[in-house]
Amino acid sequence: MSKRAYFGTDGIRGQANTHPMTAEVALRVGLAAGKLFMSQDDRRHMVVIGKDTRLSGYMVEPALVAGFASVGMDVRLLGPMPTPGVAMMTRSLRADLGVMISASHNPYTDNGIKLFGPDGYKLSDERELEIESLMDQGLHEGLAAPTELGRVARVDDSQARYVEIAKASFPRRLSLAGLRVVIDCAHGAAYKVAPVALYELGAEVIPIGVAPNGMNINEECGSTHPEAMVRAVREYRADIGIALDGDADRVAICDEKGLVVDGDQIMALIAGHWAKRDRLTGGGVVATVMSNLGLERFLAARDLKLERTAVGDRSVMVRMREGGFNLGGEQSGHIILSDYSSTGDGLLAALQVLAVLKESDKPMSALARQFEPVPQKLENVRFASGKPLDAEPVKAVIADAEQKLNGSGRIVVRASGTEPLIRIMAEGDDEKLVSQVVKEIAGAVRKAAA
């Protein structure tokens, strides 16, 4: 079996009803993960399963259930639930495993399967490889006796439980009374819980993207299409706009004027606020190599450090745990607040921004832009085969580009973990120079890939 035949950088993902996102693969995941986690001891074992609102969730969920139940694992179904909610419920219900059926911000034609361990953290690469090695076994192997089949039940109050957990992360002394908030749920997993949490905390809530039909998730709405949020903020003269993605683990925010800010600005806002109150642990923030140099300078000016990791919220979380950090995230809006959650949570991040807004007594436009972003240029180069980054001419051009920037910027060139792309990013104070070095590197990569 080839290494990582099913799992990518964030679980299993692909086009629905096409390998690897088929009912058969979902069945095999249930069988394999069930066998792995049940082999640890002989008590009753349990898995919790949540999903977003995609049509194909109705195909993937029963297949997973059949797999788990047939090896004797009890199943608890959460229904539509944000990814971080599944992680929380895995811990809360003392389950051995949590499963989220979602393709996050992708179109409805895709779907995915993410797995969480009993601690609510995403499974390690090693664990995923153990599951993969069991997935190619025969479907009749290791099945439970008829008397030992797993029992399946719905958790009727799962959404209410997540709302209470989310509300508990908001400072008790504060209320959202007097704030008009637009919340765009992307017709996704948070379409019920996010508006309810904001309403119960006192806000006047204008919900959009809350009418899922199985096919409109992320469609011209949510954090990847913030224009819908901006339009609603302007139309209803709201104080702030919040946009989540399909599984609600990432967030974008806009001020009352419609200026959209990314995860870097959100991290800067929360970090500055928490540092003043001695709430920031680890001496700074964890972010990826893609976060803007402006964030690094913002933190340095406050004697805080920016620890950089590889792309992906799992890499961020690992470093946070190692270094005792309680704030980290990605430019894309995955914000991890480890005091409250074991994975990125768009709603919890938004509630922290709302807490700063209430305490500052300023309009959101005075808070949204914490630093001036350094000009950043991105380019993707597609390649058919081979490893273009190993070519000597490419290495030479990258070294030359770094010399040209001469410490006043950064270059990140990496292969995508999900597609045959080389991603090139450069940033620096000189916008023209940044564009030039990206062009030169992209040209060298194209030549090497030809």
Protein backbone atom coordinates (compact mmCIF):
# COMPACT_ATOMS: atom_id res chain seq x y z
CA MET A 1 0.00 0.00 0.00
CA SER A 2 1.38 3.42 -0.90
CA LYS A 3 2.08 5.78 1.99
CA ARG A 4 -1.01 7.87 2.85
CA ALA A 5 -3.27 6.39 0.19
CA TYR A 6 -6.40 8.03 1.64
CA PHE A 7 -5.48 10.75 4.16
CA GLY A 8 -4.23 14.16 3.01
CA THR A 9 -3.13 17.16 5.06
CA ASP A 10 -6.59 17.48 6.66
CA GLY A 11 -8.28 14.09 6.72
CA ILE A 12 -9.75 12.44 3.64
CA ARG A 13 -11.19 14.81 1.04
CA GLY A 14 -12.38 14.66 -2.55
CA GLN A 15 -15.33 14.88 -4.91
CA ALA A 16 -18.40 13.18 -3.48
CA ASN A 17 -19.13 9.70 -4.88
CA THR A 18 -15.66 9.60 -6.50
CA HIS A 19 -12.71 7.79 -4.90
CA PRO A 20 -11.74 8.37 -2.10
CA MET A 21 -15.02 10.06 -1.06
CA THR A 22 -17.27 7.04 -1.72
CA ALA A 23 -19.65 5.13 0.55
CA GLU A 24 -17.27 2.16 0.38
CA VAL A 25 -14.28 4.17 1.63
CA ALA A 26 -16.44 5.68 4.41
CA LEU A 27 -17.49 2.15 5.40
CA ARG A 28 -13.82 1.09 5.45
CA VAL A 29 -12.91 4.12 7.62
CA GLY A 30 -15.59 3.08 10.12
CA LEU A 31 -14.43 -0.54 10.15
CA ALA A 32 -10.72 0.35 10.42
CA ALA A 33 -10.96 3.19 12.97
CA GLY A 34 -13.43 1.13 15.01
CA LYS A 35 -11.08 -1.87 15.09
CA LEU A 36 -8.09 0.30 16.01
CA PHE A 37 -9.74 2.11 18.91
CA MET A 38 -11.54 -1.00 20.20
CA SER A 39 -8.34 -3.03 20.32
CA GLN A 40 -7.11 -0.94 23.26
CA ASP A 41 -9.32 -2.59 25.92
CA ASP A 42 -12.54 -4.58 26.24
CA ARG A 43 -15.00 -1.93 27.55
CA ARG A 44 -17.81 -0.44 25.42
CA HIS A 45 -16.40 2.07 22.93
CA MET A 46 -18.10 5.08 21.38
CA VAL A 47 -17.67 7.40 18.40
CA VAL A 48 -19.46 10.73 17.85
CA ILE A 49 -20.24 11.84 14.29
CA GLY A 50 -21.09 15.37 13.16
CA LYS A 51 -21.52 16.80 9.68
CA ASP A 52 -22.10 19.98 7.72
CA THR A 53 -25.07 20.52 5.38
CA ARG A 54 -23.83 18.91 2.13
CA LEU A 55 -26.14 16.63 0.21
CA SER A 56 -23.49 13.89 0.21
CA GLY A 57 -23.42 13.86 4.02
CA TYR A 58 -26.55 11.69 3.80
CA MET A 59 -24.48 9.11 1.90
CA VAL A 60 -21.26 9.28 3.96
CA GLU A 61 -22.84 9.27 7.44
CA PRO A 62 -24.79 5.96 7.15
CA ALA A 63 -21.73 4.26 5.63
CA LEU A 64 -19.55 5.35 8.57
CA VAL A 65 -22.26 4.28 11.01
CA ALA A 66 -22.47 0.83 9.39
CA GLY A 67 -18.70 0.43 9.64
CA PHE A 68 -18.46 1.43 13.30
CA ALA A 69 -21.55 -0.50 14.43
CA SER A 70 -20.50 -3.68 12.61
CA VAL A 71 -17.26 -3.91 14.62
CA GLY A 72 -19.17 -3.30 17.86
CA MET A 73 -18.62 0.42 18.41
CA ASP A 74 -21.49 2.53 19.76
CA VAL A 75 -22.31 5.60 17.65
CA ARG A 76 -23.72 8.98 18.69
CA LEU A 77 -24.99 11.21 15.88
CA LEU A 78 -24.74 14.98 16.42
CA GLY A 79 -26.34 16.17 13.17
CA PRO A 80 -25.21 19.52 11.68
CA MET A 81 -22.40 20.74 13.93
CA PRO A 82 -19.29 22.94 13.51
CA THR A 83 -16.02 21.00 13.31
CA PRO A 84 -14.83 22.45 16.66
CA GLY A 85 -18.17 21.38 18.17
CA VAL A 86 -17.45 17.77 17.19
CA ALA A 87 -14.01 18.04 18.86
CA MET A 88 -15.66 19.44 22.02
CA MET A 89 -18.39 16.78 22.08
CA THR A 90 -15.82 14.00 21.66
CA ARG A 91 -14.25 15.09 24.95
CA SER A 92 -17.52 16.01 26.64
CA LEU A 93 -19.17 12.63 25.96
CA ARG A 94 -15.93 10.74 26.76
CA ALA A 95 -15.91 9.18 23.31
CA ASP A 96 -12.91 7.32 21.90
CA LEU A 97 -13.16 9.05 18.56
CA GLY A 98 -14.87 12.00 16.86
CA VAL A 99 -15.68 12.21 13.15
CA MET A 100 -16.57 15.32 11.16
CA ILE A 101 -18.05 14.90 7.69
CA SER A 102 -17.17 18.08 5.81
CA ALA A 103 -15.06 19.58 3.05
CA SER A 104 -14.83 22.89 4.94
CA HIS A 105 -14.86 25.84 2.48
CA ASN A 106 -14.98 23.68 -0.69
CA PRO A 107 -18.06 23.59 -2.97
CA TYR A 108 -20.92 21.22 -2.11
CA THR A 109 -19.78 18.67 -4.70
CA ASP A 110 -16.81 17.82 -2.43
CA ASN A 111 -16.84 16.17 0.96
CA GLY A 112 -14.37 14.95 3.54
CA ILE A 113 -13.82 12.97 6.73
CA LYS A 114 -11.80 14.40 9.65
CA LEU A 115 -10.98 12.34 12.73
CA PHE A 116 -10.43 13.51 16.33
CA GLY A 117 -8.96 11.54 19.22
CA PRO A 118 -10.51 11.25 22.70
CA ASP A 119 -8.69 14.47 23.74
CA GLY A 120 -10.48 16.44 21.00
CA TYR A 121 -7.30 16.96 18.95
CA LYS A 122 -6.95 15.92 15.31
CA LEU A 123 -5.40 12.47 14.96
CA SER A 124 -1.65 12.31 14.37
CA ASP A 125 -0.16 11.19 11.04
CA GLU A 126 0.91 7.95 12.74
CA ARG A 127 -2.65 7.18 13.86
CA GLU A 128 -4.00 7.95 10.38
CA LEU A 129 -1.44 5.59 8.84
CA GLU A 130 -2.51 2.84 11.29
CA ILE A 131 -6.12 3.34 10.15
CA GLU A 132 -5.03 3.26 6.48
CA SER A 133 -3.22 -0.04 6.99
CA LEU A 134 -6.48 -1.57 8.29
CA MET A 135 -8.68 -0.01 5.58
CA ASP A 136 -7.52 -2.37 2.84
CA GLN A 137 -8.45 -5.49 4.80
CA GLY A 138 -11.40 -7.59 3.63
CA LEU A 139 -14.79 -6.18 4.61
CA HIS A 140 -15.67 -9.39 6.46
CA GLU A 141 -12.66 -9.34 8.80
CA GLY A 142 -12.94 -8.53 12.49
CA LEU A 143 -16.73 -8.12 12.57
CA ALA A 144 -18.61 -8.25 15.87
CA ALA A 145 -20.91 -11.13 16.83
CA PRO A 146 -24.64 -10.40 16.34
CA THR A 147 -24.99 -9.89 20.12
CA GLU A 148 -22.05 -7.42 20.20
CA LEU A 149 -23.08 -4.93 17.48
CA GLY A 150 -22.74 -1.23 18.26
CA ARG A 151 -25.81 0.75 19.25
CA VAL A 152 -26.65 3.97 17.41
CA ALA A 153 -28.47 6.99 18.88
CA ARG A 154 -28.94 10.69 18.19
CA VAL A 155 -27.72 13.32 20.67
CA ASP A 156 -30.72 15.63 20.61
CA ASP A 157 -29.16 18.43 22.67
CA SER A 158 -25.77 18.54 20.90
CA GLN A 159 -26.35 21.98 19.36
CA ALA A 160 -27.57 23.45 22.66
CA ARG A 161 -24.48 22.06 24.39
CA TYR A 162 -22.16 23.69 21.84
CA VAL A 163 -24.01 27.03 22.21
CA GLU A 164 -23.46 26.93 25.98
CA ILE A 165 -19.74 26.14 25.55
CA ALA A 166 -19.39 29.02 23.07
CA LYS A 167 -21.22 31.46 25.37
CA ALA A 168 -19.00 30.45 28.30
CA SER A 169 -15.95 31.68 26.34
CA PHE A 170 -17.36 35.24 26.33
CA PRO A 171 -16.47 37.36 29.40
CA ARG A 172 -19.30 37.00 31.91
CA ARG A 173 -19.22 40.68 32.89
CA LEU A 174 -20.00 41.75 29.30
CA SER A 175 -23.12 41.68 27.15
CA LEU A 176 -23.59 42.19 23.41
CA ALA A 177 -26.62 44.39 24.08
CA GLY A 178 -26.64 47.44 21.81
CA LEU A 179 -24.60 45.74 19.05
CA ARG A 180 -26.08 44.97 15.65
CA VAL A 181 -24.23 41.94 14.27
CA VAL A 182 -24.39 40.38 10.81
CA ILE A 183 -23.52 36.66 10.92
CA ASP A 184 -23.04 34.79 7.63
CA CYS A 185 -23.12 31.03 8.27
CA ALA A 186 -22.35 30.02 4.65
CA HIS A 187 -25.47 27.78 4.63
CA GLY A 188 -23.18 25.46 6.58
CA ALA A 189 -22.67 23.65 9.87
CA ALA A 190 -23.19 26.68 12.15
CA TYR A 191 -26.46 27.84 10.56
CA LYS A 192 -28.40 27.15 13.78
CA VAL A 193 -25.83 27.53 16.57
CA ALA A 194 -24.04 30.79 15.65
CA PRO A 195 -27.11 33.09 15.46
CA VAL A 196 -28.51 31.55 18.68
CA ALA A 197 -25.26 32.07 20.63
CA LEU A 198 -25.02 35.72 19.54
CA TYR A 199 -28.71 36.37 20.31
CA GLU A 200 -28.49 34.81 23.76
CA LEU A 201 -25.46 36.99 24.55
CA GLY A 202 -27.62 40.06 23.86
CA ALA A 203 -26.86 41.08 20.28
CA GLU A 204 -29.32 42.21 17.66
CA VAL A 205 -28.59 39.48 15.11
CA ILE A 206 -28.94 39.69 11.33
CA PRO A 207 -28.38 36.12 10.12
CA ILE A 208 -27.59 35.36 6.46
CA GLY A 209 -26.52 32.09 4.84
CA VAL A 210 -28.85 30.16 7.17
CA ALA A 211 -31.07 28.32 4.65
CA PRO A 212 -29.08 25.21 3.62
CA ASN A 213 -30.54 23.04 0.86
CA GLY A 214 -27.64 20.58 0.52
CA MET A 215 -26.20 22.36 -2.49
CA ASN A 216 -25.71 26.02 -1.49
CA ILE A 217 -23.01 25.61 1.18
CA ASN A 218 -20.23 28.23 0.62
CA GLU A 219 -21.97 29.40 -2.56
CA GLU A 220 -21.17 33.12 -2.87
CA CYS A 221 -21.33 33.44 0.91
CA GLY A 222 -19.29 32.71 4.01
CA SER A 223 -15.68 33.56 4.82
CA THR A 224 -14.42 32.73 1.31
CA HIS A 225 -16.97 35.15 -0.25
CA PRO A 226 -17.11 38.02 2.26
CA GLU A 227 -18.98 40.27 -0.20
CA ALA A 228 -22.31 38.88 1.09
CA MET A 229 -21.39 39.88 4.66
CA VAL A 230 -20.24 43.34 3.52
CA ARG A 231 -23.50 43.96 1.62
CA ALA A 232 -25.59 43.00 4.67
CA VAL A 233 -23.50 45.17 7.03
CA ARG A 234 -24.03 48.19 4.78
CA GLU A 235 -27.72 47.46 4.17
CA TYR A 236 -28.58 47.00 7.86
CA ARG A 237 -26.02 49.54 9.16
CA ALA A 238 -24.53 46.86 11.41
CA ASP A 239 -21.67 47.44 13.86
CA ILE A 240 -19.72 44.39 12.68
CA GLY A 241 -19.93 41.54 10.19
CA ILE A 242 -18.87 37.95 10.89
CA ALA A 243 -18.56 35.31 8.15
CA LEU A 244 -17.90 31.63 8.88
CA ASP A 245 -17.01 28.90 6.38
CA GLY A 246 -18.93 25.69 5.70
CA ASP A 247 -17.76 23.84 8.81
CA ALA A 248 -17.33 27.03 10.91
CA ASP A 249 -13.68 26.47 11.83
CA ARG A 250 -12.57 29.70 10.12
CA VAL A 251 -13.80 33.28 10.18
CA ALA A 252 -13.56 36.59 8.35
CA ILE A 253 -14.66 39.87 9.90
CA CYS A 254 -15.58 43.30 8.54
CA ASP A 255 -16.06 46.64 10.26
CA GLU A 256 -19.13 48.89 10.08
CA LYS A 257 -17.80 50.44 6.86
CA GLY A 258 -17.36 47.07 5.14
CA LEU A 259 -13.56 46.77 5.40
CA VAL A 260 -12.74 43.03 5.54
CA VAL A 261 -9.83 41.84 7.70
CA ASP A 262 -8.11 38.45 7.67
CA GLY A 263 -6.87 36.08 10.35
CA ASP A 264 -3.61 37.98 10.85
CA GLN A 265 -5.46 41.14 11.92
CA ILE A 266 -7.81 39.12 14.14
CA MET A 267 -4.82 37.46 15.87
CA ALA A 268 -3.16 40.86 16.33
CA LEU A 269 -6.32 42.32 17.89
CA ILE A 270 -6.81 39.40 20.32
CA ALA A 271 -3.08 39.15 21.16
CA GLY A 272 -2.78 42.86 21.96
CA HIS A 273 -5.90 42.76 24.13
CA TRP A 274 -4.92 39.58 25.98
CA ALA A 275 -1.30 40.70 26.49
CA LYS A 276 -2.48 43.88 28.27
CA ARG A 277 -4.52 41.71 30.64
CA ASP A 278 -1.77 39.09 31.18
CA ARG A 279 -3.94 36.47 29.51
CA LEU A 280 -1.57 35.65 26.63
CA THR A 281 0.57 32.60 27.38
CA GLY A 282 3.75 31.38 25.68
CA GLY A 283 5.05 34.92 25.16
CA GLY A 284 3.42 35.41 21.77
CA VAL A 285 1.42 33.84 18.97
CA VAL A 286 1.84 30.78 16.72
CA ALA A 287 1.11 31.29 13.01
CA THR A 288 2.23 29.77 9.72
CA VAL A 289 4.89 30.78 7.23
CA MET A 290 2.12 32.54 5.25
CA SER A 291 1.27 35.10 7.95
CA ASN A 292 2.16 38.67 7.05
CA LEU A 293 5.44 40.20 8.17
CA GLY A 294 3.34 43.10 9.50
CA LEU A 295 1.94 40.77 12.19
CA GLU A 296 5.46 39.77 13.22
CA ARG A 297 6.47 43.45 13.53
CA PHE A 298 3.25 44.32 15.43
CA LEU A 299 4.02 41.61 18.01
CA ALA A 300 7.75 42.47 18.22
CA ALA A 301 6.85 46.09 19.06
CA ARG A 302 5.03 44.68 22.13
CA ASP A 303 7.90 42.33 23.10
CA LEU A 304 5.92 39.35 21.84
CA LYS A 305 7.20 36.71 19.43
CA LEU A 306 5.63 35.16 16.35
CA GLU A 307 6.44 31.47 16.12
CA ARG A 308 6.01 30.22 12.55
CA THR A 309 5.04 26.68 11.52
CA ALA A 310 4.26 24.81 8.32
CA VAL A 311 0.86 25.55 6.73
CA GLY A 312 -2.13 23.84 8.32
CA ASP A 313 -3.94 24.33 11.61
CA ARG A 314 -2.70 20.95 12.87
CA SER A 315 0.94 22.19 12.64
CA VAL A 316 -0.09 25.35 14.51
CA MET A 317 -1.81 23.35 17.25
CA VAL A 318 1.18 21.03 17.73
CA ARG A 319 3.50 24.02 18.24
CA MET A 320 0.99 25.70 20.59
CA ARG A 321 0.91 22.61 22.77
CA GLU A 322 4.71 22.29 22.78
CA GLY A 323 5.31 25.93 23.70
CA GLY A 324 2.35 26.59 26.00
CA PHE A 325 0.75 29.16 23.67
CA ASN A 326 -2.99 29.86 23.96
CA LEU A 327 -3.41 31.83 20.71
CA GLY A 328 -2.50 30.76 17.20
CA GLY A 329 -3.90 30.50 13.73
CA GLU A 330 -3.67 31.10 10.03
CA GLN A 331 -4.09 34.10 7.77
CA SER A 332 -7.07 32.28 6.23
CA GLY A 333 -9.05 32.76 9.47
CA HIS A 334 -8.41 29.50 11.32
CA ILE A 335 -8.00 30.93 14.83
CA ILE A 336 -7.19 28.53 17.68
CA LEU A 337 -7.96 29.65 21.23
CA SER A 338 -6.65 26.70 23.22
CA ASP A 339 -8.16 27.93 26.51
CA TYR A 340 -11.53 26.99 25.01
CA SER A 341 -11.02 24.70 22.03
CA SER A 342 -8.65 22.05 20.65
CA THR A 343 -9.04 23.21 17.04
CA GLY A 344 -9.85 26.33 14.99
CA ASP A 345 -13.24 27.82 15.91
CA GLY A 346 -14.70 30.71 13.89
CA LEU A 347 -17.48 31.53 16.36
CA LEU A 348 -15.20 31.56 19.42
CA ALA A 349 -12.70 33.81 17.60
CA ALA A 350 -15.54 36.17 16.64
CA LEU A 351 -16.74 36.28 20.27
CA GLN A 352 -13.25 37.35 21.41
CA VAL A 353 -13.28 40.15 18.80
CA LEU A 354 -16.74 41.19 20.04
CA ALA A 355 -15.40 41.25 23.62
CA VAL A 356 -12.62 43.67 22.55
CA LEU A 357 -15.20 45.77 20.68
CA LYS A 358 -17.43 46.02 23.78
CA GLU A 359 -14.56 46.79 26.18
CA SER A 360 -12.89 49.37 23.93
CA ASP A 361 -16.05 51.43 23.40
CA LYS A 362 -14.74 52.28 19.91
CA PRO A 363 -16.26 51.51 16.50
CA MET A 364 -14.94 48.36 14.80
CA SER A 365 -13.24 50.54 12.15
CA ALA A 366 -10.90 51.84 14.85
CA LEU A 367 -9.90 48.28 15.81
CA ALA A 368 -10.05 46.24 12.60
CA ARG A 369 -6.68 47.21 11.15
CA GLN A 370 -4.14 46.63 13.90
CA PHE A 371 -1.12 46.88 11.57
CA GLU A 372 -0.30 47.93 8.03
CA PRO A 373 0.23 44.70 6.06
CA VAL A 374 3.52 44.42 4.21
CA PRO A 375 2.98 44.03 0.41
CA GLN A 376 2.61 40.30 -0.27
CA LYS A 377 2.57 38.56 -3.65
CA LEU A 378 1.40 34.99 -4.25
CA GLU A 379 1.69 32.85 -7.37
CA ASN A 380 0.91 29.17 -7.99
CA VAL A 381 2.69 27.15 -10.67
CA ARG A 382 1.13 23.85 -11.74
CA PHE A 383 3.44 20.96 -12.63
CA ALA A 384 2.81 17.52 -14.15
CA SER A 385 5.43 15.39 -12.41
CA GLY A 386 8.81 15.35 -10.69
CA LYS A 387 10.12 17.69 -8.00
CA PRO A 388 10.78 21.12 -9.57
CA LEU A 389 12.02 22.54 -6.25
CA ASP A 390 14.98 20.13 -6.27
CA ALA A 391 16.30 21.58 -9.56
CA GLU A 392 19.56 23.50 -9.10
CA PRO A 393 18.48 26.50 -11.30
CA VAL A 394 15.36 26.94 -9.10
CA LYS A 395 17.46 26.84 -5.91
CA ALA A 396 19.84 29.41 -7.40
CA VAL A 397 17.01 31.83 -8.33
CA ILE A 398 15.50 31.53 -4.82
CA ALA A 399 18.90 32.23 -3.21
CA ASP A 400 19.36 35.25 -5.51
CA ALA A 401 15.87 36.54 -4.62
CA GLU A 402 16.61 36.27 -0.90
CA GLN A 403 19.78 38.27 -1.41
CA LYS A 404 17.83 40.98 -3.27
CA LEU A 405 15.34 41.33 -0.40
CA ASN A 406 18.33 41.60 1.93
CA GLY A 407 16.48 41.06 5.22
CA SER A 408 13.64 43.48 4.40
CA GLY A 409 11.23 40.73 3.41
CA ARG A 410 10.56 36.98 3.22
CA ILE A 411 10.21 34.29 0.57
CA VAL A 412 8.29 31.03 1.01
CA VAL A 413 8.33 28.48 -1.81
CA ARG A 414 6.61 25.18 -1.11
CA ALA A 415 4.80 22.30 -2.76
CA SER A 416 1.05 22.21 -2.03
CA GLY A 417 -0.05 19.34 0.20
CA THR A 418 -3.28 18.82 -1.74
CA GLU A 419 -2.60 19.66 -5.42
CA PRO A 420 0.29 19.42 -7.94
CA LEU A 421 1.18 23.09 -7.37
CA ILE A 422 4.27 24.98 -6.31
CA ARG A 423 3.15 27.89 -4.14
CA ILE A 424 5.39 30.96 -4.26
CA MET A 425 4.98 33.78 -1.74
CA ALA A 426 7.17 36.83 -1.25
CA GLU A 427 6.63 39.90 0.88
CA GLY A 428 8.63 43.00 1.67
CA ASP A 429 8.52 46.75 1.97
CA ASP A 430 9.35 47.28 -1.73
CA GLU A 431 6.26 46.17 -3.66
CA LYS A 432 7.97 46.31 -7.09
CA LEU A 433 10.86 44.16 -5.91
CA VAL A 434 8.47 41.64 -4.32
CA SER A 435 6.57 41.27 -7.63
CA GLN A 436 9.82 40.93 -9.53
CA VAL A 437 11.28 38.13 -7.36
CA VAL A 438 8.00 36.15 -7.48
CA LYS A 439 7.99 36.45 -11.29
CA GLU A 440 11.61 35.25 -11.48
CA ILE A 441 11.04 32.25 -9.20
CA ALA A 442 7.80 31.29 -11.02
CA GLY A 443 9.68 31.43 -14.36
CA ALA A 444 12.44 29.15 -13.03
CA VAL A 445 9.89 26.68 -11.62
CA ARG A 446 8.01 26.58 -14.95
CA LYS A 447 11.25 25.82 -16.81
CA ALA A 448 12.17 23.07 -14.37
CA ALA A 449 8.66 21.59 -14.57
CA ALA A 450 8.54 21.64 -18.38
